[in-house]
């Protein structure tokens, strides 16, 4: 019976992959991935070769989803991976999962790497209840969303690219207030993993003193 399996891959440290994930990647008839070059390199690290890789990413998922569903229907098992972390979490995956369910194709998701869980747990902020925002809109609706988030009573989790971090910290100081507690996680699971914790004003000052900011960013902000 046809099946789609969502396979988490490491967000940094290549040791952060499960045996189930490796077995699935080895056994899959085809692997759909954000960037075939990145996935090919990852498979080489784990000694998995000869796999059929097909690009499935945010720029083609609308056009390809139904075609992919038809292709999966004709095979035993297909895997979906992203460049890092768990498919569907701020990455492509939702549309394909929904289409497979609508076409009676089994969907399985393996547990594994994702950035926001360790960043939240290590933030020192309440994590019994939280709101995952992911990436804010770049333009339309951004200010309205920030204003709405600022009134939330629970911890908030955001993703951001390093070159946009200072702009976001400025916006958070403006909408949330400079004294709101925050934790910024950078380079999660890598050699230079770092947490900068404090008020928004303190954290902003810390990063203002740096020549460059590198690595993917997870921001955890306390509720109102």
C-alpha atoms as a PDB file:
ATOM      1  CA  UNK A   1       0.000   0.000   0.000  1.00  0.00           C
ATOM      2  CA  UNK A   2       1.325   3.457  -0.918  1.00  0.00           C
ATOM      3  CA  UNK A   3       2.739   5.500   1.939  1.00  0.00           C
ATOM      4  CA  UNK A   4       4.348   8.914   2.425  1.00  0.00           C
ATOM      5  CA  UNK A   5       6.794   9.226   5.320  1.00  0.00           C
ATOM      6  CA  UNK A   6       7.983  12.607   6.593  1.00  0.00           C
ATOM      7  CA  UNK A   7      11.587  12.168   7.701  1.00  0.00           C
ATOM      8  CA  UNK A   8      13.264  14.748   9.973  1.00  0.00           C
ATOM      9  CA  UNK A   9      16.942  15.378   9.238  1.00  0.00           C
ATOM     10  CA  UNK A  10      19.511  17.161  11.437  1.00  0.00           C
ATOM     11  CA  UNK A  11      19.352  20.936  11.784  1.00  0.00           C
ATOM     12  CA  UNK A  12      23.113  21.079  12.273  1.00  0.00           C
ATOM     13  CA  UNK A  13      24.871  18.212  14.013  1.00  0.00           C
ATOM     14  CA  UNK A  14      24.798  15.274  11.609  1.00  0.00           C
ATOM     15  CA  UNK A  15      24.703  12.817  14.539  1.00  0.00           C
ATOM     16  CA  UNK A  16      21.171  13.996  15.344  1.00  0.00           C
ATOM     17  CA  UNK A  17      19.367  11.465  13.172  1.00  0.00           C
ATOM     18  CA  UNK A  18      17.495   8.374  14.273  1.00  0.00           C
ATOM     19  CA  UNK A  19      17.978   4.829  13.064  1.00  0.00           C
ATOM     20  CA  UNK A  20      14.363   4.816  11.888  1.00  0.00           C
ATOM     21  CA  UNK A  21      15.047   7.852   9.734  1.00  0.00           C
ATOM     22  CA  UNK A  22      18.123   6.215   8.201  1.00  0.00           C
ATOM     23  CA  UNK A  23      16.196   3.000   7.520  1.00  0.00           C
ATOM     24  CA  UNK A  24      13.397   4.955   5.860  1.00  0.00           C
ATOM     25  CA  UNK A  25      15.775   6.926   3.633  1.00  0.00           C
ATOM     26  CA  UNK A  26      17.484   3.687   2.658  1.00  0.00           C
ATOM     27  CA  UNK A  27      14.212   1.901   1.816  1.00  0.00           C
ATOM     28  CA  UNK A  28      12.300   4.749   0.112  1.00  0.00           C
ATOM     29  CA  UNK A  29      11.444   4.308  -3.564  1.00  0.00           C
ATOM     30  CA  UNK A  30      11.877   8.058  -4.021  1.00  0.00           C
ATOM     31  CA  UNK A  31      12.898  10.960  -1.782  1.00  0.00           C
ATOM     32  CA  UNK A  32      11.278  14.362  -2.273  1.00  0.00           C
ATOM     33  CA  UNK A  33      13.523  17.135  -1.004  1.00  0.00           C
ATOM     34  CA  UNK A  34      13.936  20.905  -0.899  1.00  0.00           C
ATOM     35  CA  UNK A  35      17.315  20.865  -2.619  1.00  0.00           C
ATOM     36  CA  UNK A  36      18.533  17.672  -4.282  1.00  0.00           C
ATOM     37  CA  UNK A  37      22.177  18.757  -3.889  1.00  0.00           C
ATOM     38  CA  UNK A  38      21.861  19.173  -0.128  1.00  0.00           C
ATOM     39  CA  UNK A  39      20.013  15.877   0.281  1.00  0.00           C
ATOM     40  CA  UNK A  40      22.500  14.037  -1.948  1.00  0.00           C
ATOM     41  CA  UNK A  41      25.340  15.315   0.254  1.00  0.00           C
ATOM     42  CA  UNK A  42      23.461  14.290   3.414  1.00  0.00           C
ATOM     43  CA  UNK A  43      22.848  10.782   2.081  1.00  0.00           C
ATOM     44  CA  UNK A  44      26.525  10.467   1.217  1.00  0.00           C
ATOM     45  CA  UNK A  45      27.419  11.216   4.847  1.00  0.00           C
ATOM     46  CA  UNK A  46      25.280   8.286   5.980  1.00  0.00           C
ATOM     47  CA  UNK A  47      26.459   5.967   3.210  1.00  0.00           C
ATOM     48  CA  UNK A  48      23.113   5.866   1.404  1.00  0.00           C
ATOM     49  CA  UNK A  49      23.483   5.888  -2.356  1.00  0.00           C
ATOM     50  CA  UNK A  50      21.535   5.286  -5.521  1.00  0.00           C
ATOM     51  CA  UNK A  51      18.339   7.008  -4.397  1.00  0.00           C
ATOM     52  CA  UNK A  52      15.950   8.803  -6.744  1.00  0.00           C
ATOM     53  CA  UNK A  53      15.748  12.439  -5.577  1.00  0.00           C
ATOM     54  CA  UNK A  54      13.063  14.845  -6.784  1.00  0.00           C
ATOM     55  CA  UNK A  55      12.920  18.535  -5.872  1.00  0.00           C
ATOM     56  CA  UNK A  56       9.798  19.559  -3.942  1.00  0.00           C
ATOM     57  CA  UNK A  57      10.000  23.037  -2.413  1.00  0.00           C
ATOM     58  CA  UNK A  58       8.042  26.216  -1.784  1.00  0.00           C
ATOM     59  CA  UNK A  59       8.495  27.424  -5.351  1.00  0.00           C
ATOM     60  CA  UNK A  60       6.989  24.358  -7.027  1.00  0.00           C
ATOM     61  CA  UNK A  61       4.754  22.657  -4.446  1.00  0.00           C
ATOM     62  CA  UNK A  62       1.559  24.263  -5.765  1.00  0.00           C
ATOM     63  CA  UNK A  63       2.254  22.982  -9.278  1.00  0.00           C
ATOM     64  CA  UNK A  64       3.677  19.582  -8.322  1.00  0.00           C
ATOM     65  CA  UNK A  65       1.518  18.318  -5.457  1.00  0.00           C
ATOM     66  CA  UNK A  66      -1.108  16.449  -7.494  1.00  0.00           C
ATOM     67  CA  UNK A  67       1.565  15.006  -9.778  1.00  0.00           C
ATOM     68  CA  UNK A  68       3.515  13.820  -6.731  1.00  0.00           C
ATOM     69  CA  UNK A  69       0.391  12.207  -5.251  1.00  0.00           C
ATOM     70  CA  UNK A  70      -0.188  10.241  -8.463  1.00  0.00           C
ATOM     71  CA  UNK A  71       3.441   9.122  -8.467  1.00  0.00           C
ATOM     72  CA  UNK A  72       3.334   8.044  -4.799  1.00  0.00           C
ATOM     73  CA  UNK A  73       0.153   6.052  -5.498  1.00  0.00           C
ATOM     74  CA  UNK A  74       2.129   3.797  -7.818  1.00  0.00           C
ATOM     75  CA  UNK A  75       4.879   2.882  -5.345  1.00  0.00           C
ATOM     76  CA  UNK A  76       5.306   1.346  -1.911  1.00  0.00           C
ATOM     77  CA  UNK A  77       6.880   4.191  -0.007  1.00  0.00           C
ATOM     78  CA  UNK A  78       8.070   7.748  -0.625  1.00  0.00           C
ATOM     79  CA  UNK A  79       9.974   9.957   1.797  1.00  0.00           C
ATOM     80  CA  UNK A  80       9.774  13.724   2.186  1.00  0.00           C
ATOM     81  CA  UNK A  81      12.675  15.666   3.679  1.00  0.00           C
ATOM     82  CA  UNK A  82      13.658  19.317   3.948  1.00  0.00           C
ATOM     83  CA  UNK A  83      17.148  20.773   4.094  1.00  0.00           C
ATOM     84  CA  UNK A  84      16.976  20.721   7.899  1.00  0.00           C
ATOM     85  CA  UNK A  85      14.469  19.684  10.553  1.00  0.00           C
ATOM     86  CA  UNK A  86      10.970  18.281  10.206  1.00  0.00           C
ATOM     87  CA  UNK A  87       8.961  18.751   6.973  1.00  0.00           C
ATOM     88  CA  UNK A  88       5.915  20.962   7.396  1.00  0.00           C
ATOM     89  CA  UNK A  89       7.363  23.052  10.239  1.00  0.00           C
ATOM     90  CA  UNK A  90       8.036  26.359   8.446  1.00  0.00           C
ATOM     91  CA  UNK A  91       9.013  24.231   5.449  1.00  0.00           C
ATOM     92  CA  UNK A  92       7.115  22.499   2.596  1.00  0.00           C
ATOM     93  CA  UNK A  93       5.018  19.502   3.584  1.00  0.00           C
ATOM     94  CA  UNK A  94       1.519  20.552   4.587  1.00  0.00           C
ATOM     95  CA  UNK A  95       0.084  20.643   1.065  1.00  0.00           C
ATOM     96  CA  UNK A  96       1.435  17.209   0.189  1.00  0.00           C
ATOM     97  CA  UNK A  97       0.268  15.647   3.457  1.00  0.00           C
ATOM     98  CA  UNK A  98      -3.240  17.031   2.952  1.00  0.00           C
ATOM     99  CA  UNK A  99      -3.381  15.814  -0.649  1.00  0.00           C
ATOM    100  CA  UNK A 100      -2.187  12.322   0.328  1.00  0.00           C
ATOM    101  CA  UNK A 101      -4.830  12.077   3.060  1.00  0.00           C
ATOM    102  CA  UNK A 102      -7.512  13.181   0.602  1.00  0.00           C
ATOM    103  CA  UNK A 103      -6.370  10.432  -1.782  1.00  0.00           C
ATOM    104  CA  UNK A 104      -6.289   7.680   0.886  1.00  0.00           C
ATOM    105  CA  UNK A 105      -2.493   7.464   0.946  1.00  0.00           C
ATOM    106  CA  UNK A 106      -1.069   6.606   4.361  1.00  0.00           C
ATOM    107  CA  UNK A 107       1.009   9.348   5.964  1.00  0.00           C
ATOM    108  CA  UNK A 108       3.563   8.684   8.688  1.00  0.00           C
ATOM    109  CA  UNK A 109       5.742  11.242  10.465  1.00  0.00           C
ATOM    110  CA  UNK A 110       8.922  10.165  12.233  1.00  0.00           C
ATOM    111  CA  UNK A 111       9.977  11.952  15.421  1.00  0.00           C
ATOM    112  CA  UNK A 112      13.226  13.832  15.171  1.00  0.00           C
ATOM    113  CA  UNK A 113      15.063  17.118  14.847  1.00  0.00           C
ATOM    114  CA  UNK A 114      13.262  20.437  14.925  1.00  0.00           C
ATOM    115  CA  UNK A 115      14.669  23.789  16.003  1.00  0.00           C
ATOM    116  CA  UNK A 116      11.955  25.309  18.155  1.00  0.00           C
ATOM    117  CA  UNK A 117      11.621  22.556  20.785  1.00  0.00           C
ATOM    118  CA  UNK A 118      15.184  22.692  22.202  1.00  0.00           C
ATOM    119  CA  UNK A 119      15.244  26.495  21.860  1.00  0.00           C
ATOM    120  CA  UNK A 120      12.002  26.752  23.833  1.00  0.00           C
ATOM    121  CA  UNK A 121      13.059  24.251  26.491  1.00  0.00           C
ATOM    122  CA  UNK A 122      16.397  26.021  27.044  1.00  0.00           C
ATOM    123  CA  UNK A 123      14.970  29.555  27.049  1.00  0.00           C
ATOM    124  CA  UNK A 124      14.173  29.667  30.760  1.00  0.00           C
ATOM    125  CA  UNK A 125      10.700  30.949  29.851  1.00  0.00           C
ATOM    126  CA  UNK A 126       7.440  29.088  30.571  1.00  0.00           C
ATOM    127  CA  UNK A 127       6.986  26.300  28.033  1.00  0.00           C
ATOM    128  CA  UNK A 128       3.902  24.492  29.369  1.00  0.00           C
ATOM    129  CA  UNK A 129       1.864  26.649  26.966  1.00  0.00           C
ATOM    130  CA  UNK A 130       3.272  28.464  23.945  1.00  0.00           C
ATOM    131  CA  UNK A 131       2.410  29.857  20.536  1.00  0.00           C
ATOM    132  CA  UNK A 132       4.564  28.932  17.547  1.00  0.00           C
ATOM    133  CA  UNK A 133       4.575  31.742  14.983  1.00  0.00           C
ATOM    134  CA  UNK A 134       7.576  30.691  12.912  1.00  0.00           C
ATOM    135  CA  UNK A 135       8.606  33.303  10.329  1.00  0.00           C
ATOM    136  CA  UNK A 136       6.658  36.553  10.418  1.00  0.00           C
ATOM    137  CA  UNK A 137       5.313  37.942   7.129  1.00  0.00           C
ATOM    138  CA  UNK A 138       8.061  39.941   5.430  1.00  0.00           C
ATOM    139  CA  UNK A 139       5.795  42.811   4.415  1.00  0.00           C
ATOM    140  CA  UNK A 140       2.009  42.648   4.243  1.00  0.00           C
ATOM    141  CA  UNK A 141       0.427  41.994   7.639  1.00  0.00           C
ATOM    142  CA  UNK A 142       3.715  42.044   9.578  1.00  0.00           C
ATOM    143  CA  UNK A 143       2.944  45.029  11.827  1.00  0.00           C
ATOM    144  CA  UNK A 144      -0.592  43.811  12.524  1.00  0.00           C
ATOM    145  CA  UNK A 145       0.749  40.372  13.464  1.00  0.00           C
ATOM    146  CA  UNK A 146       3.353  41.850  15.805  1.00  0.00           C
ATOM    147  CA  UNK A 147       0.700  43.916  17.544  1.00  0.00           C
ATOM    148  CA  UNK A 148      -1.492  40.821  17.974  1.00  0.00           C
ATOM    149  CA  UNK A 149       1.392  38.710  19.269  1.00  0.00           C
ATOM    150  CA  UNK A 150       2.364  41.378  21.806  1.00  0.00           C
ATOM    151  CA  UNK A 151      -0.921  40.820  23.650  1.00  0.00           C
ATOM    152  CA  UNK A 152      -0.615  37.033  23.907  1.00  0.00           C
ATOM    153  CA  UNK A 153      -0.442  35.660  27.480  1.00  0.00           C
ATOM    154  CA  UNK A 154       1.735  32.689  26.529  1.00  0.00           C
ATOM    155  CA  UNK A 155       5.351  32.258  25.397  1.00  0.00           C
ATOM    156  CA  UNK A 156       5.899  32.990  21.694  1.00  0.00           C
ATOM    157  CA  UNK A 157       8.370  31.256  19.365  1.00  0.00           C
ATOM    158  CA  UNK A 158       9.683  32.960  16.222  1.00  0.00           C
ATOM    159  CA  UNK A 159      12.130  32.039  13.475  1.00  0.00           C
ATOM    160  CA  UNK A 160      14.321  34.614  11.773  1.00  0.00           C
ATOM    161  CA  UNK A 161      17.210  34.816   9.330  1.00  0.00           C
ATOM    162  CA  UNK A 162      20.433  36.284  10.785  1.00  0.00           C
ATOM    163  CA  UNK A 163      20.508  39.315   8.477  1.00  0.00           C
ATOM    164  CA  UNK A 164      17.019  40.321   9.657  1.00  0.00           C
ATOM    165  CA  UNK A 165      17.546  39.772  13.393  1.00  0.00           C
ATOM    166  CA  UNK A 166      18.306  43.397  14.311  1.00  0.00           C
ATOM    167  CA  UNK A 167      15.218  44.644  12.491  1.00  0.00           C
ATOM    168  CA  UNK A 168      13.077  42.112  14.363  1.00  0.00           C
ATOM    169  CA  UNK A 169      14.604  43.050  17.736  1.00  0.00           C
ATOM    170  CA  UNK A 170      13.788  46.703  17.002  1.00  0.00           C
ATOM    171  CA  UNK A 171      10.198  45.753  16.194  1.00  0.00           C
ATOM    172  CA  UNK A 172       9.871  43.587  19.292  1.00  0.00           C
ATOM    173  CA  UNK A 173      11.144  46.424  21.484  1.00  0.00           C
ATOM    174  CA  UNK A 174       8.584  48.736  19.895  1.00  0.00           C
ATOM    175  CA  UNK A 175       5.553  46.418  20.084  1.00  0.00           C
ATOM    176  CA  UNK A 176       6.354  44.298  23.161  1.00  0.00           C
ATOM    177  CA  UNK A 177       8.315  46.864  25.159  1.00  0.00           C
ATOM    178  CA  UNK A 178      12.084  46.835  25.834  1.00  0.00           C
ATOM    179  CA  UNK A 179      11.699  45.093  29.213  1.00  0.00           C
ATOM    180  CA  UNK A 180       9.952  41.948  27.924  1.00  0.00           C
ATOM    181  CA  UNK A 181      11.992  38.783  28.567  1.00  0.00           C
ATOM    182  CA  UNK A 182      13.495  37.079  25.524  1.00  0.00           C
ATOM    183  CA  UNK A 183      15.890  34.300  24.541  1.00  0.00           C
ATOM    184  CA  UNK A 184      17.700  34.233  21.194  1.00  0.00           C
ATOM    185  CA  UNK A 185      19.136  30.869  20.154  1.00  0.00           C
ATOM    186  CA  UNK A 186      21.755  30.802  17.398  1.00  0.00           C
ATOM    187  CA  UNK A 187      23.564  27.918  15.652  1.00  0.00           C
ATOM    188  CA  UNK A 188      21.470  25.290  17.453  1.00  0.00           C
ATOM    189  CA  UNK A 189      23.208  21.884  17.720  1.00  0.00           C
ATOM    190  CA  UNK A 190      26.372  23.218  16.037  1.00  0.00           C
ATOM    191  CA  UNK A 191      29.828  23.932  17.443  1.00  0.00           C
ATOM    192  CA  UNK A 192      29.044  27.588  18.177  1.00  0.00           C
ATOM    193  CA  UNK A 193      25.570  27.079  19.651  1.00  0.00           C
ATOM    194  CA  UNK A 194      24.648  30.134  21.688  1.00  0.00           C
ATOM    195  CA  UNK A 195      21.820  31.444  23.844  1.00  0.00           C
ATOM    196  CA  UNK A 196      21.467  35.143  24.608  1.00  0.00           C
ATOM    197  CA  UNK A 197      18.875  35.724  27.317  1.00  0.00           C
ATOM    198  CA  UNK A 198      17.550  38.822  29.059  1.00  0.00           C
ATOM    199  CA  UNK A 199      15.271  41.724  28.270  1.00  0.00           C
ATOM    200  CA  UNK A 200      14.713  42.687  24.654  1.00  0.00           C
ATOM    201  CA  UNK A 201      16.820  45.802  25.295  1.00  0.00           C
ATOM    202  CA  UNK A 202      19.703  43.771  26.758  1.00  0.00           C
ATOM    203  CA  UNK A 203      19.676  41.216  23.960  1.00  0.00           C
ATOM    204  CA  UNK A 204      19.481  43.947  21.317  1.00  0.00           C
ATOM    205  CA  UNK A 205      22.507  45.683  22.842  1.00  0.00           C
ATOM    206  CA  UNK A 206      24.424  42.391  22.838  1.00  0.00           C
ATOM    207  CA  UNK A 207      23.919  41.819  19.125  1.00  0.00           C
ATOM    208  CA  UNK A 208      24.525  45.487  18.238  1.00  0.00           C
ATOM    209  CA  UNK A 209      28.116  45.053  19.408  1.00  0.00           C
ATOM    210  CA  UNK A 210      28.860  42.287  16.902  1.00  0.00           C
ATOM    211  CA  UNK A 211      30.410  42.732  13.486  1.00  0.00           C
ATOM    212  CA  UNK A 212      28.307  39.927  11.972  1.00  0.00           C
ATOM    213  CA  UNK A 213      25.478  37.637  13.004  1.00  0.00           C
ATOM    214  CA  UNK A 214      25.536  34.122  11.598  1.00  0.00           C
ATOM    215  CA  UNK A 215      23.399  30.997  11.833  1.00  0.00           C
ATOM    216  CA  UNK A 216      19.683  30.355  11.819  1.00  0.00           C
ATOM    217  CA  UNK A 217      17.852  32.065  14.663  1.00  0.00           C
ATOM    218  CA  UNK A 218      15.092  30.996  17.059  1.00  0.00           C
ATOM    219  CA  UNK A 219      13.588  33.740  19.245  1.00  0.00           C
ATOM    220  CA  UNK A 220      11.531  32.890  22.327  1.00  0.00           C
ATOM    221  CA  UNK A 221       9.575  35.765  23.906  1.00  0.00           C
ATOM    222  CA  UNK A 222       7.696  35.748  27.210  1.00  0.00           C
ATOM    223  CA  UNK A 223       3.951  36.309  27.200  1.00  0.00           C
ATOM    224  CA  UNK A 224       2.327  39.533  28.287  1.00  0.00           C
END
